[in-house]
C-alpha atoms as a PDB file:
ATOM      1  CA  UNK A   1      81.970 127.799  87.054  1.00  0.00           C
ATOM      2  CA  UNK A   2      82.922 129.918  89.966  1.00  0.00           C
ATOM      3  CA  UNK A   3      86.703 129.450  89.821  1.00  0.00           C
ATOM      4  CA  UNK A   4      87.137 132.065  87.065  1.00  0.00           C
ATOM      5  CA  UNK A   5      88.989 129.793  84.651  1.00  0.00           C
ATOM      6  CA  UNK A   6      86.147 129.807  82.113  1.00  0.00           C
ATOM      7  CA  UNK A   7      83.229 132.158  81.632  1.00  0.00           C
ATOM      8  CA  UNK A   8      79.896 130.833  82.914  1.00  0.00           C
ATOM      9  CA  UNK A   9      78.380 130.706  79.427  1.00  0.00           C
ATOM     10  CA  UNK A  10      81.320 128.804  77.822  1.00  0.00           C
ATOM     11  CA  UNK A  11      81.089 125.103  77.190  1.00  0.00           C
ATOM     12  CA  UNK A  12      84.258 122.993  77.086  1.00  0.00           C
ATOM     13  CA  UNK A  13      83.567 121.508  73.643  1.00  0.00           C
ATOM     14  CA  UNK A  14      82.900 124.817  71.849  1.00  0.00           C
ATOM     15  CA  UNK A  15      84.704 124.809  68.527  1.00  0.00           C
ATOM     16  CA  UNK A  16      86.399 127.950  67.357  1.00  0.00           C
ATOM     17  CA  UNK A  17      84.580 129.713  64.493  1.00  0.00           C
ATOM     18  CA  UNK A  18      87.310 128.807  61.979  1.00  0.00           C
ATOM     19  CA  UNK A  19      86.951 125.091  62.909  1.00  0.00           C
ATOM     20  CA  UNK A  20      83.160 125.097  62.510  1.00  0.00           C
ATOM     21  CA  UNK A  21      82.958 126.261  58.934  1.00  0.00           C
ATOM     22  CA  UNK A  22      82.464 123.696  56.227  1.00  0.00           C
ATOM     23  CA  UNK A  23      82.892 123.863  52.493  1.00  0.00           C
ATOM     24  CA  UNK A  24      81.112 127.225  52.400  1.00  0.00           C
ATOM     25  CA  UNK A  25      83.967 128.726  54.408  1.00  0.00           C
ATOM     26  CA  UNK A  26      86.559 127.214  52.095  1.00  0.00           C
ATOM     27  CA  UNK A  27      84.945 128.745  49.007  1.00  0.00           C
ATOM     28  CA  UNK A  28      84.720 132.132  50.674  1.00  0.00           C
ATOM     29  CA  UNK A  29      88.426 131.813  51.522  1.00  0.00           C
ATOM     30  CA  UNK A  30      89.193 131.295  47.837  1.00  0.00           C
ATOM     31  CA  UNK A  31      87.218 134.398  46.926  1.00  0.00           C
ATOM     32  CA  UNK A  32      89.028 136.332  49.646  1.00  0.00           C
ATOM     33  CA  UNK A  33      92.386 134.999  48.449  1.00  0.00           C
ATOM     34  CA  UNK A  34      91.676 136.081  44.877  1.00  0.00           C
ATOM     35  CA  UNK A  35      90.633 139.525  46.073  1.00  0.00           C
ATOM     36  CA  UNK A  36      93.788 139.781  48.162  1.00  0.00           C
ATOM     37  CA  UNK A  37      95.913 138.631  45.227  1.00  0.00           C
ATOM     38  CA  UNK A  38      94.338 141.219  42.960  1.00  0.00           C
ATOM     39  CA  UNK A  39      94.897 143.904  45.580  1.00  0.00           C
ATOM     40  CA  UNK A  40      98.548 142.879  46.008  1.00  0.00           C
ATOM     41  CA  UNK A  41      99.110 142.853  42.250  1.00  0.00           C
ATOM     42  CA  UNK A  42      97.582 146.305  41.970  1.00  0.00           C
ATOM     43  CA  UNK A  43      99.761 147.596  44.793  1.00  0.00           C
ATOM     44  CA  UNK A  44     102.857 146.012  43.221  1.00  0.00           C
ATOM     45  CA  UNK A  45     102.331 147.699  39.856  1.00  0.00           C
ATOM     46  CA  UNK A  46     101.555 151.001  41.560  1.00  0.00           C
ATOM     47  CA  UNK A  47     104.797 150.743  43.555  1.00  0.00           C
ATOM     48  CA  UNK A  48     106.819 150.083  40.397  1.00  0.00           C
ATOM     49  CA  UNK A  49     105.140 153.037  38.674  1.00  0.00           C
ATOM     50  CA  UNK A  50     105.991 155.299  41.607  1.00  0.00           C
ATOM     51  CA  UNK A  51     109.609 154.088  41.596  1.00  0.00           C
ATOM     52  CA  UNK A  52     109.786 154.969  37.890  1.00  0.00           C
ATOM     53  CA  UNK A  53     108.330 158.431  38.567  1.00  0.00           C
ATOM     54  CA  UNK A  54     110.867 158.974  41.356  1.00  0.00           C
ATOM     55  CA  UNK A  55     113.649 157.872  39.029  1.00  0.00           C
ATOM     56  CA  UNK A  56     112.520 160.330  36.368  1.00  0.00           C
ATOM     57  CA  UNK A  57     112.315 163.131  38.918  1.00  0.00           C
ATOM     58  CA  UNK A  58     115.849 162.374  40.096  1.00  0.00           C
ATOM     59  CA  UNK A  59     117.161 162.246  36.545  1.00  0.00           C
ATOM     60  CA  UNK A  60     115.645 165.555  35.463  1.00  0.00           C
ATOM     61  CA  UNK A  61     116.069 167.558  38.683  1.00  0.00           C
ATOM     62  CA  UNK A  62     119.578 166.666  39.851  1.00  0.00           C
ATOM     63  CA  UNK A  63     122.508 168.535  38.413  1.00  0.00           C
ATOM     64  CA  UNK A  64     125.518 167.213  36.555  1.00  0.00           C
ATOM     65  CA  UNK A  65     127.727 167.040  39.643  1.00  0.00           C
ATOM     66  CA  UNK A  66     130.396 164.375  39.848  1.00  0.00           C
ATOM     67  CA  UNK A  67     131.737 162.482  42.848  1.00  0.00           C
ATOM     68  CA  UNK A  68     134.948 160.471  42.935  1.00  0.00           C
ATOM     69  CA  UNK A  69     134.439 156.841  43.964  1.00  0.00           C
ATOM     70  CA  UNK A  70     137.653 154.792  44.151  1.00  0.00           C
ATOM     71  CA  UNK A  71     139.347 157.440  42.053  1.00  0.00           C
ATOM     72  CA  UNK A  72     136.771 157.379  39.230  1.00  0.00           C
ATOM     73  CA  UNK A  73     134.249 160.155  38.600  1.00  0.00           C
ATOM     74  CA  UNK A  74     130.624 159.063  39.088  1.00  0.00           C
ATOM     75  CA  UNK A  75     127.626 161.247  38.281  1.00  0.00           C
ATOM     76  CA  UNK A  76     125.907 162.367  41.471  1.00  0.00           C
ATOM     77  CA  UNK A  77     122.441 161.555  40.112  1.00  0.00           C
ATOM     78  CA  UNK A  78     123.367 157.874  39.872  1.00  0.00           C
ATOM     79  CA  UNK A  79     123.519 157.532  43.673  1.00  0.00           C
ATOM     80  CA  UNK A  80     119.758 158.027  44.302  1.00  0.00           C
ATOM     81  CA  UNK A  81     118.956 156.063  41.132  1.00  0.00           C
ATOM     82  CA  UNK A  82     120.879 153.086  42.512  1.00  0.00           C
ATOM     83  CA  UNK A  83     119.009 153.378  45.829  1.00  0.00           C
ATOM     84  CA  UNK A  84     115.625 153.585  44.064  1.00  0.00           C
ATOM     85  CA  UNK A  85     116.620 150.663  41.825  1.00  0.00           C
ATOM     86  CA  UNK A  86     117.531 148.623  44.905  1.00  0.00           C
ATOM     87  CA  UNK A  87     114.152 149.360  46.463  1.00  0.00           C
ATOM     88  CA  UNK A  88     112.410 148.385  43.225  1.00  0.00           C
ATOM     89  CA  UNK A  89     114.385 145.119  43.147  1.00  0.00           C
ATOM     90  CA  UNK A  90     113.444 144.430  46.777  1.00  0.00           C
ATOM     91  CA  UNK A  91     109.780 145.045  45.911  1.00  0.00           C
ATOM     92  CA  UNK A  92     110.022 142.684  42.936  1.00  0.00           C
ATOM     93  CA  UNK A  93     111.597 139.912  45.021  1.00  0.00           C
ATOM     94  CA  UNK A  94     108.998 140.336  47.782  1.00  0.00           C
ATOM     95  CA  UNK A  95     106.182 140.179  45.213  1.00  0.00           C
ATOM     96  CA  UNK A  96     107.576 136.994  43.667  1.00  0.00           C
ATOM     97  CA  UNK A  97     107.965 135.431  47.129  1.00  0.00           C
ATOM     98  CA  UNK A  98     104.344 136.267  47.951  1.00  0.00           C
ATOM     99  CA  UNK A  99     103.174 134.689  44.673  1.00  0.00           C
ATOM    100  CA  UNK A 100     105.089 131.508  45.535  1.00  0.00           C
ATOM    101  CA  UNK A 101     103.587 131.479  49.041  1.00  0.00           C
ATOM    102  CA  UNK A 102     100.081 131.833  47.602  1.00  0.00           C
ATOM    103  CA  UNK A 103     100.711 128.960  45.149  1.00  0.00           C
ATOM    104  CA  UNK A 104     102.010 126.773  47.974  1.00  0.00           C
ATOM    105  CA  UNK A 105      98.955 127.679  50.036  1.00  0.00           C
ATOM    106  CA  UNK A 106      96.631 126.685  47.196  1.00  0.00           C
ATOM    107  CA  UNK A 107      98.443 123.384  46.696  1.00  0.00           C
ATOM    108  CA  UNK A 108      98.374 122.460  50.383  1.00  0.00           C
ATOM    109  CA  UNK A 109      94.778 123.715  50.767  1.00  0.00           C
ATOM    110  CA  UNK A 110      93.440 121.675  47.854  1.00  0.00           C
ATOM    111  CA  UNK A 111      95.196 118.493  48.974  1.00  0.00           C
ATOM    112  CA  UNK A 112      93.519 118.568  52.381  1.00  0.00           C
ATOM    113  CA  UNK A 113      89.982 118.442  50.915  1.00  0.00           C
END
């Protein structure tokens, strides 16, 4: 085809590689999904452990300074602890959302077989 729209070796009815795989591809996807889930779970628990370590470091290294917030004294070490707690909560919510997405993917994937 000399017009340059398609390479000379391409045929119009070529299926993409993801469309050509059969049941073998589906089973390998399940194995890959389980491996990814295990990796995500491992990363989630590692993140929570690191947040806890950061919290302990903040608690034991920051002084006993106080800051007035709306006229009430608040310990200065609580400020970074609240930030770290917020990040841990965000990580927890993201992990739960990913678990729900994976369950929805399994349900829709098994119904199409």
